[in-house]
Amino acid sequence: MKNFTTILTIVLAIAVAVLFYLHFSTKTASSIINNSSNDSTASNSNFKIAYFEMDSLENQYEYLKDVRNSLRALEQKKGNELNQLRNAGHAKILEYQKRGNSMTEQEIAQANEELMKMDNELKTQEQIKAQELQDESIKKIQEVKKTIEDFLKEYNEDKNFSYILSSSADIIYLKDTAYDITKDLIQGLNETYKKKKKP
């Protein structure tokens, strides 16, 4: 009987120890789970996305308008240079047509060779000028993009948006206008551009 009581006391002590352990370890685990869920809730509540309307920016950003105008002027200039080459080719053709029957076979062969050279030169110049225009367009658009990115970095220092997206109707289907920063963006970019433009 004495052995039974000793064994019972030991079993009860072990049971109390196990219950004690389970009680506090469960509480710790649940508090860790609660704390981590509170942290994720807190971090989720700080997650904000802003957007701006790209078409509005394209229509109202003065620097972008100036870039477009300079690219149009460059396209016009290169088009005029190509037209001069085309006109020179047409003038040569008319000149040879006027001479027509009075030309010898050798002169006709030379005329054909000259016209082929002029045509090849025109095609080469078309490719060169198209490439130059494309390179300049890419460079200018990258510059515009960089000014927008630089402004948004500065703008977002106190706003703490996780993302700022450009909005397009076929990409974003639902938007909360509370997070539309288009007006701020256009106003800030135009003010920055005016300051840079001043001599």
N, C-alpha and C. Protein backbone atom coordinates (compact mmCIF):
# COMPACT_ATOMS: atom_id res chain seq x y z
N MET A 1 0.83 -1.19 0.00
CA MET A 1 0.00 0.00 0.00
C MET A 1 0.87 1.26 0.00
N LYS A 2 1.96 1.15 0.78
CA LYS A 2 2.87 2.28 0.84
C LYS A 2 3.48 2.52 -0.53
N ASN A 3 3.80 1.43 -1.23
CA ASN A 3 4.35 1.55 -2.59
C ASN A 3 3.33 2.15 -3.54
N PHE A 4 2.08 1.78 -3.37
CA PHE A 4 1.01 2.31 -4.22
C PHE A 4 0.89 3.82 -4.05
N THR A 5 0.95 4.28 -2.81
CA THR A 5 0.83 5.71 -2.52
C THR A 5 2.03 6.46 -3.12
N THR A 6 3.19 5.89 -3.00
CA THR A 6 4.38 6.53 -3.56
C THR A 6 4.28 6.61 -5.09
N ILE A 7 3.85 5.51 -5.69
CA ILE A 7 3.68 5.49 -7.15
C ILE A 7 2.63 6.49 -7.58
N LEU A 8 1.51 6.53 -6.84
CA LEU A 8 0.42 7.47 -7.15
C LEU A 8 0.91 8.91 -7.04
N THR A 9 1.70 9.20 -6.01
CA THR A 9 2.24 10.55 -5.82
C THR A 9 3.15 10.93 -6.99
N ILE A 10 4.00 9.97 -7.41
CA ILE A 10 4.91 10.23 -8.53
C ILE A 10 4.11 10.46 -9.81
N VAL A 11 3.09 9.61 -10.06
CA VAL A 11 2.26 9.77 -11.26
C VAL A 11 1.54 11.11 -11.26
N LEU A 12 1.01 11.49 -10.09
CA LEU A 12 0.30 12.78 -9.99
C LEU A 12 1.27 13.96 -10.21
N ALA A 13 2.49 13.82 -9.67
CA ALA A 13 3.49 14.88 -9.85
C ALA A 13 3.85 15.03 -11.34
N ILE A 14 4.00 13.86 -12.00
CA ILE A 14 4.30 13.89 -13.44
C ILE A 14 3.13 14.51 -14.22
N ALA A 15 1.89 14.12 -13.85
CA ALA A 15 0.70 14.65 -14.52
C ALA A 15 0.60 16.16 -14.35
N VAL A 16 0.88 16.64 -13.13
CA VAL A 16 0.84 18.09 -12.87
C VAL A 16 1.92 18.79 -13.71
N ALA A 17 3.11 18.18 -13.75
CA ALA A 17 4.19 18.77 -14.55
C ALA A 17 3.81 18.84 -16.02
N VAL A 18 3.21 17.74 -16.54
CA VAL A 18 2.79 17.72 -17.94
C VAL A 18 1.73 18.78 -18.20
N LEU A 19 0.72 18.85 -17.32
CA LEU A 19 -0.34 19.86 -17.48
C LEU A 19 0.23 21.28 -17.41
N PHE A 20 1.15 21.48 -16.46
CA PHE A 20 1.80 22.78 -16.32
C PHE A 20 2.52 23.15 -17.62
N TYR A 21 3.27 22.19 -18.15
CA TYR A 21 4.01 22.40 -19.40
C TYR A 21 3.07 22.71 -20.56
N LEU A 22 2.03 21.88 -20.70
CA LEU A 22 1.07 22.07 -21.80
C LEU A 22 0.35 23.40 -21.70
N HIS A 23 -0.01 23.75 -20.49
CA HIS A 23 -0.75 25.01 -20.30
C HIS A 23 0.09 26.21 -20.76
N PHE A 24 1.35 26.27 -20.29
CA PHE A 24 2.17 27.42 -20.63
C PHE A 24 2.71 27.37 -22.05
N SER A 25 3.00 26.20 -22.58
CA SER A 25 3.49 26.13 -23.96
C SER A 25 2.38 26.48 -24.95
N THR A 26 1.14 26.08 -24.69
CA THR A 26 0.00 26.42 -25.54
C THR A 26 -0.25 27.92 -25.52
N LYS A 27 -0.14 28.51 -24.33
CA LYS A 27 -0.35 29.94 -24.20
C LYS A 27 0.71 30.71 -24.98
N THR A 28 1.95 30.24 -24.87
CA THR A 28 3.03 30.89 -25.60
C THR A 28 2.83 30.77 -27.11
N ALA A 29 2.45 29.56 -27.57
CA ALA A 29 2.22 29.36 -29.00
C ALA A 29 1.08 30.22 -29.50
N SER A 30 -0.02 30.27 -28.72
CA SER A 30 -1.16 31.07 -29.16
C SER A 30 -0.82 32.55 -29.15
N SER A 31 0.02 32.98 -28.16
CA SER A 31 0.39 34.40 -28.16
C SER A 31 1.30 34.71 -29.34
N ILE A 32 2.16 33.72 -29.72
CA ILE A 32 3.01 33.93 -30.90
C ILE A 32 2.14 34.03 -32.14
N ILE A 33 1.15 33.14 -32.26
CA ILE A 33 0.24 33.18 -33.41
C ILE A 33 -0.52 34.50 -33.44
N ASN A 34 -1.04 34.91 -32.27
CA ASN A 34 -1.77 36.18 -32.21
C ASN A 34 -0.88 37.35 -32.58
N ASN A 35 0.36 37.35 -32.04
CA ASN A 35 1.28 38.45 -32.35
C ASN A 35 1.62 38.48 -33.82
N SER A 36 1.87 37.29 -34.41
CA SER A 36 2.23 37.27 -35.83
C SER A 36 1.05 37.68 -36.68
N SER A 37 -0.17 37.29 -36.28
CA SER A 37 -1.34 37.72 -37.07
C SER A 37 -1.55 39.21 -36.92
N ASN A 38 -1.27 39.75 -35.71
CA ASN A 38 -1.37 41.20 -35.53
C ASN A 38 -0.34 41.92 -36.39
N ASP A 39 0.90 41.35 -36.46
CA ASP A 39 1.93 41.95 -37.29
C ASP A 39 1.53 41.95 -38.75
N SER A 40 0.97 40.80 -39.23
CA SER A 40 0.58 40.74 -40.64
C SER A 40 -0.58 41.67 -40.91
N THR A 41 -1.49 41.81 -39.93
CA THR A 41 -2.60 42.76 -40.10
C THR A 41 -2.04 44.18 -40.17
N ALA A 42 -1.07 44.45 -39.28
CA ALA A 42 -0.48 45.79 -39.29
C ALA A 42 0.23 46.05 -40.60
N SER A 43 0.99 45.04 -41.07
CA SER A 43 1.71 45.27 -42.32
C SER A 43 0.74 45.35 -43.49
N ASN A 44 -0.36 44.58 -43.45
CA ASN A 44 -1.37 44.66 -44.51
C ASN A 44 -2.05 46.02 -44.52
N SER A 45 -2.28 46.58 -43.32
CA SER A 45 -2.96 47.87 -43.28
C SER A 45 -2.06 48.98 -43.82
N ASN A 46 -0.72 48.76 -43.82
CA ASN A 46 0.20 49.76 -44.36
C ASN A 46 0.44 49.58 -45.86
N PHE A 47 -0.08 48.53 -46.43
CA PHE A 47 0.12 48.24 -47.85
C PHE A 47 -0.86 49.07 -48.67
N LYS A 48 -0.33 50.06 -49.40
CA LYS A 48 -1.19 50.94 -50.20
C LYS A 48 -0.66 51.00 -51.62
N ILE A 49 -1.58 51.05 -52.55
CA ILE A 49 -1.22 51.18 -53.96
C ILE A 49 -1.87 52.45 -54.50
N ALA A 50 -1.06 53.29 -55.13
CA ALA A 50 -1.59 54.49 -55.79
C ALA A 50 -1.50 54.28 -57.30
N TYR A 51 -2.19 55.11 -58.04
CA TYR A 51 -2.14 55.01 -59.49
C TYR A 51 -2.27 56.40 -60.10
N PHE A 52 -1.87 56.49 -61.37
CA PHE A 52 -2.10 57.73 -62.11
C PHE A 52 -2.59 57.37 -63.50
N GLU A 53 -3.39 58.26 -64.08
CA GLU A 53 -3.96 58.05 -65.40
C GLU A 53 -2.93 58.44 -66.46
N MET A 54 -2.45 57.46 -67.19
CA MET A 54 -1.39 57.70 -68.18
C MET A 54 -1.85 58.64 -69.30
N ASP A 55 -3.10 58.50 -69.76
CA ASP A 55 -3.56 59.37 -70.84
C ASP A 55 -3.61 60.84 -70.40
N SER A 56 -4.00 61.07 -69.14
CA SER A 56 -4.00 62.45 -68.62
C SER A 56 -2.59 63.00 -68.55
N LEU A 57 -1.67 62.15 -68.09
CA LEU A 57 -0.27 62.57 -68.01
C LEU A 57 0.26 62.91 -69.40
N GLU A 58 -0.03 62.06 -70.38
CA GLU A 58 0.43 62.30 -71.75
C GLU A 58 -0.11 63.61 -72.32
N ASN A 59 -1.33 63.96 -71.94
CA ASN A 59 -1.96 65.17 -72.48
C ASN A 59 -1.56 66.45 -71.74
N GLN A 60 -1.10 66.32 -70.48
CA GLN A 60 -0.90 67.52 -69.67
C GLN A 60 0.53 67.74 -69.19
N TYR A 61 1.41 66.78 -69.35
CA TYR A 61 2.80 66.95 -68.90
C TYR A 61 3.56 67.73 -69.96
N GLU A 62 3.98 68.95 -69.62
CA GLU A 62 4.58 69.88 -70.58
C GLU A 62 5.88 69.33 -71.19
N TYR A 63 6.69 68.70 -70.37
CA TYR A 63 7.95 68.14 -70.89
C TYR A 63 7.67 67.08 -71.95
N LEU A 64 6.70 66.24 -71.69
CA LEU A 64 6.34 65.19 -72.66
C LEU A 64 5.80 65.82 -73.94
N LYS A 65 5.02 66.89 -73.82
CA LYS A 65 4.52 67.60 -75.02
C LYS A 65 5.70 68.16 -75.82
N ASP A 66 6.68 68.76 -75.12
CA ASP A 66 7.85 69.31 -75.81
C ASP A 66 8.67 68.22 -76.49
N VAL A 67 8.80 67.08 -75.80
CA VAL A 67 9.52 65.95 -76.39
C VAL A 67 8.82 65.48 -77.66
N ARG A 68 7.49 65.37 -77.59
CA ARG A 68 6.73 64.95 -78.78
C ARG A 68 6.92 65.93 -79.93
N ASN A 69 6.86 67.23 -79.62
CA ASN A 69 7.04 68.25 -80.65
C ASN A 69 8.43 68.19 -81.27
N SER A 70 9.46 67.97 -80.43
CA SER A 70 10.83 67.91 -80.97
C SER A 70 11.00 66.66 -81.82
N LEU A 71 10.36 65.56 -81.45
CA LEU A 71 10.44 64.34 -82.26
C LEU A 71 9.71 64.52 -83.59
N ARG A 72 8.57 65.22 -83.55
CA ARG A 72 7.85 65.51 -84.81
C ARG A 72 8.71 66.38 -85.72
N ALA A 73 9.37 67.39 -85.13
CA ALA A 73 10.23 68.28 -85.92
C ALA A 73 11.40 67.50 -86.52
N LEU A 74 11.96 66.57 -85.73
CA LEU A 74 13.05 65.75 -86.23
C LEU A 74 12.57 64.83 -87.36
N GLU A 75 11.38 64.27 -87.18
CA GLU A 75 10.80 63.42 -88.23
C GLU A 75 10.57 64.22 -89.51
N GLN A 76 10.08 65.45 -89.34
CA GLN A 76 9.84 66.33 -90.50
C GLN A 76 11.16 66.65 -91.21
N LYS A 77 12.20 66.95 -90.43
CA LYS A 77 13.51 67.28 -91.00
C LYS A 77 14.06 66.11 -91.80
N LYS A 78 13.99 64.92 -91.21
CA LYS A 78 14.51 63.73 -91.90
C LYS A 78 13.66 63.40 -93.13
N GLY A 79 12.36 63.65 -93.04
CA GLY A 79 11.46 63.46 -94.18
C GLY A 79 11.81 64.41 -95.31
N ASN A 80 12.13 65.66 -94.95
CA ASN A 80 12.52 66.66 -95.97
C ASN A 80 13.82 66.26 -96.66
N GLU A 81 14.78 65.74 -95.87
CA GLU A 81 16.06 65.31 -96.45
C GLU A 81 15.83 64.16 -97.44
N LEU A 82 14.95 63.23 -97.07
CA LEU A 82 14.64 62.12 -97.97
C LEU A 82 13.91 62.62 -99.22
N ASN A 83 13.03 63.59 -99.05
CA ASN A 83 12.30 64.16 -100.21
C ASN A 83 13.26 64.82 -101.19
N GLN A 84 14.32 65.45 -100.66
CA GLN A 84 15.32 66.06 -101.55
C GLN A 84 15.99 64.99 -102.40
N LEU A 85 16.32 63.85 -101.76
CA LEU A 85 16.92 62.75 -102.52
C LEU A 85 15.94 62.20 -103.57
N ARG A 86 14.66 62.06 -103.17
CA ARG A 86 13.64 61.56 -104.12
C ARG A 86 13.48 62.53 -105.29
N ASN A 87 13.43 63.82 -104.96
CA ASN A 87 13.27 64.83 -106.01
C ASN A 87 14.46 64.83 -106.97
N ALA A 88 15.66 64.64 -106.42
CA ALA A 88 16.85 64.58 -107.28
C ALA A 88 16.76 63.38 -108.21
N GLY A 89 16.25 62.26 -107.69
CA GLY A 89 16.07 61.06 -108.52
C GLY A 89 15.05 61.29 -109.62
N HIS A 90 13.93 61.93 -109.26
CA HIS A 90 12.88 62.22 -110.26
C HIS A 90 13.41 63.19 -111.33
N ALA A 91 14.18 64.18 -110.90
CA ALA A 91 14.74 65.15 -111.85
C ALA A 91 15.66 64.46 -112.85
N LYS A 92 16.47 63.51 -112.36
CA LYS A 92 17.36 62.76 -113.25
C LYS A 92 16.56 61.93 -114.25
N ILE A 93 15.51 61.29 -113.76
CA ILE A 93 14.66 60.47 -114.66
C ILE A 93 14.07 61.35 -115.76
N LEU A 94 13.53 62.52 -115.36
CA LEU A 94 12.95 63.45 -116.35
C LEU A 94 14.00 63.91 -117.36
N GLU A 95 15.20 64.17 -116.85
CA GLU A 95 16.28 64.61 -117.74
C GLU A 95 16.60 63.53 -118.78
N TYR A 96 16.68 62.29 -118.32
CA TYR A 96 16.98 61.18 -119.25
C TYR A 96 15.81 60.93 -120.21
N GLN A 97 14.59 61.13 -119.72
CA GLN A 97 13.43 60.94 -120.60
C GLN A 97 13.42 61.99 -121.72
N LYS A 98 13.82 63.23 -121.36
CA LYS A 98 13.86 64.31 -122.36
C LYS A 98 14.90 64.00 -123.44
N ARG A 99 16.03 63.47 -122.99
CA ARG A 99 17.09 63.14 -123.95
C ARG A 99 16.70 61.93 -124.79
N GLY A 100 15.94 61.03 -124.18
CA GLY A 100 15.36 59.86 -124.82
C GLY A 100 16.11 59.25 -125.98
N ASN A 101 15.55 59.46 -127.20
CA ASN A 101 16.05 58.80 -128.42
C ASN A 101 17.45 59.25 -128.82
N SER A 102 17.88 60.42 -128.33
CA SER A 102 19.20 60.93 -128.74
C SER A 102 20.34 60.27 -127.98
N MET A 103 20.01 59.44 -126.97
CA MET A 103 21.06 58.80 -126.16
C MET A 103 21.60 57.54 -126.84
N THR A 104 22.90 57.36 -126.72
CA THR A 104 23.52 56.14 -127.26
C THR A 104 23.29 55.00 -126.26
N GLU A 105 23.60 53.78 -126.69
CA GLU A 105 23.44 52.63 -125.80
C GLU A 105 24.32 52.76 -124.57
N GLN A 106 25.51 53.27 -124.76
CA GLN A 106 26.43 53.45 -123.64
C GLN A 106 25.88 54.48 -122.65
N GLU A 107 25.32 55.58 -123.15
CA GLU A 107 24.72 56.61 -122.28
C GLU A 107 23.52 56.04 -121.54
N ILE A 108 22.72 55.21 -122.21
CA ILE A 108 21.56 54.58 -121.56
C ILE A 108 22.03 53.66 -120.43
N ALA A 109 23.10 52.90 -120.68
CA ALA A 109 23.64 52.00 -119.66
C ALA A 109 24.16 52.81 -118.46
N GLN A 110 24.85 53.91 -118.75
CA GLN A 110 25.36 54.77 -117.68
C GLN A 110 24.21 55.40 -116.89
N ALA A 111 23.16 55.82 -117.62
CA ALA A 111 21.98 56.43 -116.97
C ALA A 111 21.31 55.42 -116.03
N ASN A 112 21.15 54.18 -116.53
CA ASN A 112 20.53 53.14 -115.70
C ASN A 112 21.36 52.87 -114.44
N GLU A 113 22.68 52.84 -114.63
CA GLU A 113 23.57 52.60 -113.49
C GLU A 113 23.47 53.73 -112.47
N GLU A 114 23.44 54.97 -112.97
CA GLU A 114 23.33 56.14 -112.09
C GLU A 114 22.00 56.13 -111.33
N LEU A 115 20.91 55.80 -112.05
CA LEU A 115 19.59 55.76 -111.41
C LEU A 115 19.52 54.66 -110.34
N MET A 116 20.14 53.51 -110.63
CA MET A 116 20.17 52.43 -109.64
C MET A 116 20.95 52.84 -108.39
N LYS A 117 22.08 53.54 -108.60
CA LYS A 117 22.87 54.03 -107.47
C LYS A 117 22.05 55.01 -106.62
N MET A 118 21.34 55.91 -107.31
CA MET A 118 20.52 56.90 -106.60
C MET A 118 19.40 56.21 -105.82
N ASP A 119 18.80 55.18 -106.42
CA ASP A 119 17.74 54.43 -105.75
C ASP A 119 18.28 53.70 -104.52
N ASN A 120 19.46 53.08 -104.67
CA ASN A 120 20.09 52.39 -103.53
C ASN A 120 20.44 53.36 -102.42
N GLU A 121 20.95 54.52 -102.81
CA GLU A 121 21.30 55.55 -101.82
C GLU A 121 20.06 56.01 -101.07
N LEU A 122 18.95 56.18 -101.80
CA LEU A 122 17.69 56.58 -101.18
C LEU A 122 17.24 55.53 -100.16
N LYS A 123 17.28 54.26 -100.54
CA LYS A 123 16.86 53.18 -99.64
C LYS A 123 17.75 53.13 -98.40
N THR A 124 19.06 53.30 -98.60
CA THR A 124 20.00 53.30 -97.48
C THR A 124 19.71 54.46 -96.53
N GLN A 125 19.50 55.64 -97.11
CA GLN A 125 19.21 56.82 -96.30
C GLN A 125 17.88 56.68 -95.55
N GLU A 126 16.88 56.06 -96.19
CA GLU A 126 15.60 55.81 -95.51
C GLU A 126 15.82 54.96 -94.25
N GLN A 127 16.62 53.90 -94.39
CA GLN A 127 16.91 53.03 -93.25
C GLN A 127 17.69 53.77 -92.16
N ILE A 128 18.70 54.52 -92.58
CA ILE A 128 19.53 55.26 -91.61
C ILE A 128 18.69 56.26 -90.84
N LYS A 129 17.88 57.03 -91.57
CA LYS A 129 17.09 58.07 -90.93
C LYS A 129 16.00 57.48 -90.03
N ALA A 130 15.41 56.36 -90.46
CA ALA A 130 14.40 55.70 -89.63
C ALA A 130 15.05 55.20 -88.34
N GLN A 131 16.27 54.65 -88.44
CA GLN A 131 16.98 54.16 -87.25
C GLN A 131 17.35 55.32 -86.32
N GLU A 132 17.82 56.42 -86.91
CA GLU A 132 18.19 57.60 -86.11
C GLU A 132 16.96 58.13 -85.36
N LEU A 133 15.83 58.18 -86.06
CA LEU A 133 14.60 58.66 -85.44
C LEU A 133 14.16 57.73 -84.32
N GLN A 134 14.25 56.44 -84.57
CA GLN A 134 13.87 55.46 -83.54
C GLN A 134 14.78 55.57 -82.32
N ASP A 135 16.09 55.69 -82.54
CA ASP A 135 17.04 55.81 -81.43
C ASP A 135 16.77 57.06 -80.61
N GLU A 136 16.51 58.16 -81.30
CA GLU A 136 16.23 59.42 -80.60
C GLU A 136 14.92 59.32 -79.82
N SER A 137 13.91 58.68 -80.41
CA SER A 137 12.62 58.50 -79.73
C SER A 137 12.79 57.69 -78.45
N ILE A 138 13.52 56.58 -78.55
CA ILE A 138 13.74 55.72 -77.38
C ILE A 138 14.49 56.49 -76.30
N LYS A 139 15.52 57.22 -76.70
CA LYS A 139 16.30 58.01 -75.74
C LYS A 139 15.43 59.04 -75.02
N LYS A 140 14.62 59.77 -75.79
CA LYS A 140 13.77 60.81 -75.21
C LYS A 140 12.70 60.22 -74.28
N ILE A 141 12.09 59.10 -74.71
CA ILE A 141 11.05 58.47 -73.88
C ILE A 141 11.67 57.94 -72.59
N GLN A 142 12.90 57.42 -72.66
CA GLN A 142 13.59 56.97 -71.43
C GLN A 142 13.85 58.15 -70.49
N GLU A 143 14.20 59.30 -71.08
CA GLU A 143 14.42 60.50 -70.26
C GLU A 143 13.13 60.94 -69.57
N VAL A 144 12.02 60.90 -70.30
CA VAL A 144 10.72 61.26 -69.72
C VAL A 144 10.38 60.29 -68.59
N LYS A 145 10.57 58.99 -68.86
CA LYS A 145 10.27 57.96 -67.86
C LYS A 145 11.10 58.19 -66.60
N LYS A 146 12.38 58.56 -66.79
CA LYS A 146 13.26 58.79 -65.63
C LYS A 146 12.78 59.98 -64.81
N THR A 147 12.34 61.05 -65.48
CA THR A 147 11.85 62.22 -64.71
C THR A 147 10.62 61.84 -63.89
N ILE A 148 9.75 61.00 -64.46
CA ILE A 148 8.56 60.56 -63.73
C ILE A 148 8.97 59.69 -62.54
N GLU A 149 9.88 58.75 -62.77
CA GLU A 149 10.35 57.87 -61.68
C GLU A 149 11.01 58.68 -60.57
N ASP A 150 11.87 59.63 -60.95
CA ASP A 150 12.56 60.46 -59.94
C ASP A 150 11.56 61.27 -59.13
N PHE A 151 10.58 61.84 -59.82
CA PHE A 151 9.58 62.62 -59.10
C PHE A 151 8.79 61.73 -58.15
N LEU A 152 8.39 60.55 -58.62
CA LEU A 152 7.58 59.65 -57.78
C LEU A 152 8.34 59.17 -56.55
N LYS A 153 9.65 58.96 -56.68
CA LYS A 153 10.46 58.57 -55.51
C LYS A 153 10.39 59.66 -54.45
N GLU A 154 10.57 60.89 -54.89
CA GLU A 154 10.52 62.03 -53.97
C GLU A 154 9.11 62.21 -53.40
N TYR A 155 8.12 62.11 -54.28
CA TYR A 155 6.71 62.27 -53.87
C TYR A 155 6.31 61.22 -52.83
N ASN A 156 6.84 60.01 -52.99
CA ASN A 156 6.42 58.90 -52.14
C ASN A 156 7.15 58.84 -50.80
N GLU A 157 8.12 59.72 -50.57
CA GLU A 157 8.88 59.68 -49.32
C GLU A 157 7.97 59.79 -48.10
N ASP A 158 6.95 60.63 -48.16
CA ASP A 158 6.05 60.77 -47.01
C ASP A 158 4.68 60.11 -47.24
N LYS A 159 4.44 59.59 -48.44
CA LYS A 159 3.15 58.94 -48.71
C LYS A 159 3.18 57.44 -48.38
N ASN A 160 4.35 56.83 -48.52
CA ASN A 160 4.55 55.41 -48.20
C ASN A 160 3.65 54.45 -48.97
N PHE A 161 3.50 54.69 -50.27
CA PHE A 161 2.79 53.73 -51.09
C PHE A 161 3.72 52.55 -51.38
N SER A 162 3.16 51.35 -51.38
CA SER A 162 3.97 50.18 -51.71
C SER A 162 4.22 50.11 -53.21
N TYR A 163 3.20 50.51 -54.00
CA TYR A 163 3.31 50.52 -55.45
C TYR A 163 2.62 51.77 -55.99
N ILE A 164 3.15 52.30 -57.08
CA ILE A 164 2.47 53.35 -57.83
C ILE A 164 2.42 52.88 -59.28
N LEU A 165 1.21 52.69 -59.79
CA LEU A 165 1.02 52.12 -61.12
C LEU A 165 0.47 53.16 -62.08
N SER A 166 0.77 52.99 -63.37
CA SER A 166 0.08 53.80 -64.37
C SER A 166 -1.17 53.03 -64.78
N SER A 167 -2.27 53.74 -64.86
CA SER A 167 -3.55 53.10 -65.10
C SER A 167 -3.91 53.09 -66.58
N SER A 168 -4.37 51.94 -67.01
CA SER A 168 -4.87 51.79 -68.37
C SER A 168 -6.15 50.99 -68.30
N ALA A 169 -7.15 51.35 -69.09
CA ALA A 169 -8.47 50.72 -69.00
C ALA A 169 -8.42 49.21 -69.23
N ASP A 170 -7.52 48.75 -70.07
CA ASP A 170 -7.48 47.32 -70.34
C ASP A 170 -6.58 46.55 -69.38
N ILE A 171 -6.00 47.24 -68.39
CA ILE A 171 -5.19 46.55 -67.39
C ILE A 171 -5.86 46.60 -66.02
N ILE A 172 -6.32 47.76 -65.61
CA ILE A 172 -6.95 47.92 -64.29
C ILE A 172 -8.44 48.11 -64.48
N TYR A 173 -9.21 47.25 -63.84
CA TYR A 173 -10.66 47.28 -64.02
C TYR A 173 -11.39 48.00 -62.89
N LEU A 174 -10.77 48.07 -61.73
CA LEU A 174 -11.41 48.73 -60.59
C LEU A 174 -10.39 49.59 -59.89
N LYS A 175 -10.75 50.85 -59.61
CA LYS A 175 -9.83 51.75 -58.94
C LYS A 175 -10.59 52.59 -57.92
N ASP A 176 -9.98 52.78 -56.78
CA ASP A 176 -10.52 53.67 -55.76
C ASP A 176 -9.90 55.05 -56.01
N THR A 177 -10.72 56.02 -56.35
CA THR A 177 -10.18 57.33 -56.72
C THR A 177 -9.47 58.03 -55.57
N ALA A 178 -9.63 57.50 -54.35
CA ALA A 178 -8.90 58.08 -53.21
C ALA A 178 -7.40 57.91 -53.39
N TYR A 179 -7.00 56.92 -54.21
CA TYR A 179 -5.58 56.66 -54.44
C TYR A 179 -5.11 57.13 -55.81
N ASP A 180 -5.90 58.00 -56.46
CA ASP A 180 -5.53 58.57 -57.75
C ASP A 180 -4.63 59.77 -57.51
N ILE A 181 -3.37 59.67 -57.92
CA ILE A 181 -2.42 60.76 -57.69
C ILE A 181 -2.10 61.52 -58.98
N THR A 182 -2.94 61.33 -60.01
CA THR A 182 -2.67 61.94 -61.32
C THR A 182 -2.47 63.46 -61.21
N LYS A 183 -3.37 64.12 -60.51
CA LYS A 183 -3.32 65.59 -60.41
C LYS A 183 -2.03 66.03 -59.73
N ASP A 184 -1.68 65.37 -58.61
CA ASP A 184 -0.44 65.71 -57.91
C ASP A 184 0.77 65.49 -58.81
N LEU A 185 0.75 64.37 -59.52
CA LEU A 185 1.87 64.01 -60.38
C LEU A 185 2.07 65.04 -61.50
N ILE A 186 0.99 65.37 -62.20
CA ILE A 186 1.08 66.33 -63.31
C ILE A 186 1.54 67.70 -62.80
N GLN A 187 0.93 68.14 -61.70
CA GLN A 187 1.28 69.45 -61.14
C GLN A 187 2.75 69.47 -60.72
N GLY A 188 3.19 68.44 -60.01
CA GLY A 188 4.57 68.39 -59.55
C GLY A 188 5.58 68.30 -60.69
N LEU A 189 5.27 67.46 -61.67
CA LEU A 189 6.18 67.32 -62.82
C LEU A 189 6.28 68.62 -63.61
N ASN A 190 5.15 69.28 -63.82
CA ASN A 190 5.17 70.54 -64.58
C ASN A 190 5.93 71.63 -63.83
N GLU A 191 5.77 71.68 -62.50
CA GLU A 191 6.51 72.67 -61.71
C GLU A 191 8.01 72.41 -61.79
N THR A 192 8.39 71.13 -61.67
CA THR A 192 9.81 70.75 -61.77
C THR A 192 10.36 71.10 -63.14
N TYR A 193 9.58 70.84 -64.19
CA TYR A 193 10.02 71.13 -65.56
C TYR A 193 10.18 72.63 -65.79
N LYS A 194 9.25 73.42 -65.25
CA LYS A 194 9.35 74.89 -65.40
C LYS A 194 10.63 75.41 -64.77
N LYS A 195 10.97 74.86 -63.59
CA LYS A 195 12.20 75.29 -62.89
C LYS A 195 13.43 74.94 -63.72
N LYS A 196 13.46 73.73 -64.30
CA LYS A 196 14.60 73.31 -65.11
C LYS A 196 14.69 74.11 -66.40
N LYS A 197 13.53 74.51 -66.94
CA LYS A 197 13.49 75.21 -68.23
C LYS A 197 13.98 76.64 -68.13
N LYS A 198 13.84 77.23 -66.93
CA LYS A 198 14.25 78.63 -66.78
C LYS A 198 15.76 78.77 -67.00
N PRO A 199 16.16 79.81 -67.77
CA PRO A 199 17.60 80.00 -68.04
C PRO A 199 18.37 80.49 -66.84
